[in-house]
Protein backbone atom coordinates (compact mmCIF):
# COMPACT_ATOMS: atom_id res chain seq x y z
CA MET A 1 11.72 -51.61 7.72
CA THR A 2 12.93 -48.09 7.07
CA VAL A 3 11.16 -45.18 8.76
CA PRO A 4 10.92 -42.16 6.43
CA HIS A 5 12.69 -39.07 7.69
CA ARG A 6 10.26 -36.23 8.41
CA LEU A 7 11.21 -32.64 8.70
CA PRO A 8 9.87 -30.82 11.74
CA ASP A 9 6.72 -28.76 11.15
CA ARG A 10 7.76 -25.12 11.45
CA SER A 11 4.72 -23.60 9.76
CA ALA A 12 3.59 -21.91 12.98
CA LYS A 13 6.93 -20.18 13.45
CA SER A 14 7.62 -16.90 11.71
CA PHE A 15 11.00 -15.61 10.69
CA ASN A 16 12.40 -12.38 9.37
CA GLU A 17 14.60 -12.62 6.28
CA ARG A 18 15.87 -9.06 6.54
CA GLN A 19 16.78 -6.67 9.28
CA GLY A 20 14.00 -4.52 10.67
CA VAL A 21 13.63 -0.80 10.21
CA VAL A 22 16.35 0.96 12.19
CA PHE A 23 14.92 4.48 12.03
CA ASP A 24 11.95 6.11 10.33
CA ASP A 25 11.13 9.78 10.61
CA LYS A 26 9.26 12.60 8.89
CA PRO A 27 10.02 16.25 8.29
CA LEU A 28 9.17 18.46 11.26
CA LYS A 29 6.20 20.24 9.64
CA GLN A 30 4.68 17.13 8.06
CA ALA A 31 2.38 14.46 9.48
CA TRP A 32 2.40 10.71 8.98
CA GLY A 33 -0.03 9.88 6.19
CA GLN A 34 0.02 13.43 4.84
CA THR A 35 -0.76 13.68 1.13
CA LEU A 36 2.33 15.03 -0.62
CA SER A 37 0.87 14.88 -4.12
CA GLN A 38 -2.86 14.77 -4.85
CA PRO A 39 -4.26 13.00 -7.90
CA LYS A 40 -5.93 15.15 -10.55
CA ALA A 41 -9.60 16.02 -10.09
CA SER A 42 -10.73 13.69 -12.89
CA TYR A 43 -9.41 10.91 -15.11
CA GLN A 44 -10.47 8.98 -18.19
CA LYS A 45 -10.46 5.20 -18.50
CA GLY A 46 -7.00 3.99 -19.46
CA GLN A 47 -5.18 6.74 -17.51
CA VAL A 48 -3.15 6.33 -14.32
CA ALA A 49 -4.16 8.12 -11.12
CA THR A 50 -1.26 8.73 -8.73
CA ALA A 51 -1.07 9.96 -5.14
CA VAL A 52 2.01 10.32 -2.92
CA PHE A 53 1.83 10.09 0.87
CA ARG A 54 4.26 10.63 3.73
CA GLY A 55 4.58 7.10 4.96
CA ALA A 56 6.91 4.91 6.91
CA HIS A 57 8.91 1.90 5.83
CA PRO A 58 6.48 -0.91 4.91
CA LYS A 59 8.35 -3.34 7.17
CA ASN A 60 6.91 -1.50 10.17
CA ASN A 61 3.80 -3.60 9.43
CA LEU A 62 3.77 -6.07 6.52
CA ARG A 63 -0.03 -6.00 6.45
CA THR A 64 -0.18 -9.69 5.63
CA GLU A 65 -3.92 -9.78 6.35
CA ASP A 66 -4.61 -6.32 4.95
CA SER A 67 -3.42 -3.96 2.25
CA PHE A 68 -1.02 -1.03 1.90
CA LEU A 69 -3.51 0.81 -0.28
CA LYS A 70 -7.16 0.98 -1.13
CA VAL A 71 -9.03 2.48 -4.03
CA GLN A 72 -12.44 3.39 -2.67
CA ARG A 73 -15.63 4.34 -4.51
CA PHE A 74 -18.23 6.73 -3.08
CA GLU A 75 -21.57 4.88 -3.03
CA ASN A 76 -24.79 5.80 -1.24
CA GLY A 77 -23.10 8.40 0.95
CA GLN A 78 -20.15 6.24 2.08
CA TRP A 79 -16.72 5.09 0.89
CA VAL A 80 -16.64 1.45 -0.21
CA ASP A 81 -13.46 -0.54 -0.94
CA TYR A 82 -13.10 -1.09 -4.68
CA LEU A 83 -9.48 -2.29 -5.17
CA SER A 84 -6.45 -3.04 -3.00
CA ASP A 85 -2.75 -3.77 -3.50
CA SER A 86 -3.64 -7.33 -4.49
CA ASP A 87 -5.33 -6.09 -7.68
CA PHE A 88 -3.45 -5.91 -10.97
CA GLU A 89 -4.60 -2.32 -11.58
CA THR A 90 -2.78 -0.96 -8.53
CA THR A 91 0.87 -0.45 -7.62
CA TYR A 92 2.35 0.43 -4.23
CA THR A 93 5.88 1.82 -4.31
CA TRP A 94 7.90 2.69 -1.21
CA GLN A 95 10.70 5.22 -1.68
CA ARG A 96 13.33 6.46 0.74
CA GLU A 97 14.03 10.19 0.88
CA GLY A 98 17.40 11.00 2.36
CA ALA A 99 18.54 8.99 5.37
CA ALA A 100 15.31 8.63 7.33
CA TYR A 101 12.20 9.81 5.44
CA SER A 102 9.89 7.61 3.41
CA LYS A 103 7.09 8.17 0.98
CA ALA A 104 4.47 5.84 -0.45
CA ILE A 105 3.46 6.19 -4.09
CA ILE A 106 0.12 4.73 -5.11
CA ASP A 107 -0.74 4.24 -8.78
CA TRP A 108 -4.12 3.10 -10.08
CA ARG A 109 -4.32 2.10 -13.75
CA ILE A 110 -7.99 2.80 -14.49
CA SER A 111 -9.35 -0.07 -16.55
CA THR A 112 -11.84 0.29 -19.37
CA ASN A 113 -14.54 -1.49 -17.34
CA THR A 114 -14.30 0.83 -14.30
CA PRO A 115 -17.73 2.29 -13.59
CA ALA A 116 -18.01 6.08 -13.68
CA GLY A 117 -18.05 7.59 -10.21
CA THR A 118 -16.12 9.32 -7.47
CA TYR A 119 -13.06 7.49 -6.20
CA ARG A 120 -10.23 8.11 -3.76
CA LEU A 121 -6.80 6.58 -3.15
CA THR A 122 -5.91 5.77 0.45
CA HIS A 123 -2.64 4.74 2.08
CA GLN A 124 -2.87 2.17 4.87
CA GLY A 125 0.55 2.55 6.45
CA ASP A 126 2.18 2.48 9.87
């Protein structure tokens, strides 16, 4: 009788395919998470809302159980999550500036079935 060969179960072990972040910094007079470019005050359905934030390299925290961005809607006096980076309508782009600075660009393609309201784009970075 032949015993089938089984590979060891390594599902509980994590690994890193790429090197970690060596150095991340920000300009002296800026703060982490600072908005570098605000979206316009209003948009129509079918347009793209964009915001740019001073962020760090996304490998500082891969946010595997969370999101790099949130589109939130103002409802009943509070901000409620509406979309995240797992939604087709959103795009998160990390961009290096010079040798050590990073910025996060968040785009929201406003679909035709988006309810009218007040929304904001947030960056959830480390």
